[in-house]
């Protein structure tokens, strides 16, 4: 998950299609020996990516770099019009989503987490939206934003 591999090992990208395509024979051939590939490898990777996204969002909250809740995010966008990323629950209200997108059409939008997953990341009851503060990297480049990169995998 950290994109760092100690020692010898096999590299499998964390993209859904790549993990699903991985199988025992491919790993055994690459390793030149028998290997064990768990049947739930895809589910394990997905769970780890979810935890990583939640940890990164939680870190931005603790650092004071995130605002959450429709009214707070709306107020933030109206006063500063600066955000590195809008994060919305995929099961959030579409009407409120359209209102926020109208205020900030150029800010990247992430809708990979459910309301309960986003709430767990924020350490709160169910919240459907949040934003991360102004990044030091290019917000439109998903490789530079760890939350976007991991959520897209």
Foldseek 3Di string as FASTA:
>chain_A
DPPDDPDDDDDFDLALVRQVPDDQVVRCVVVVHGDDDDPCSNVVSLVVLLVVLLQVLLVLVVVVFKDFALVRLVVCCVPPVFFLEKEFALPDDVVSVVVNCVSHVPHHYHHQHHQCSNCVSNVHPGTGIMTGGHDPDRSVDQVVDSSSVSSND
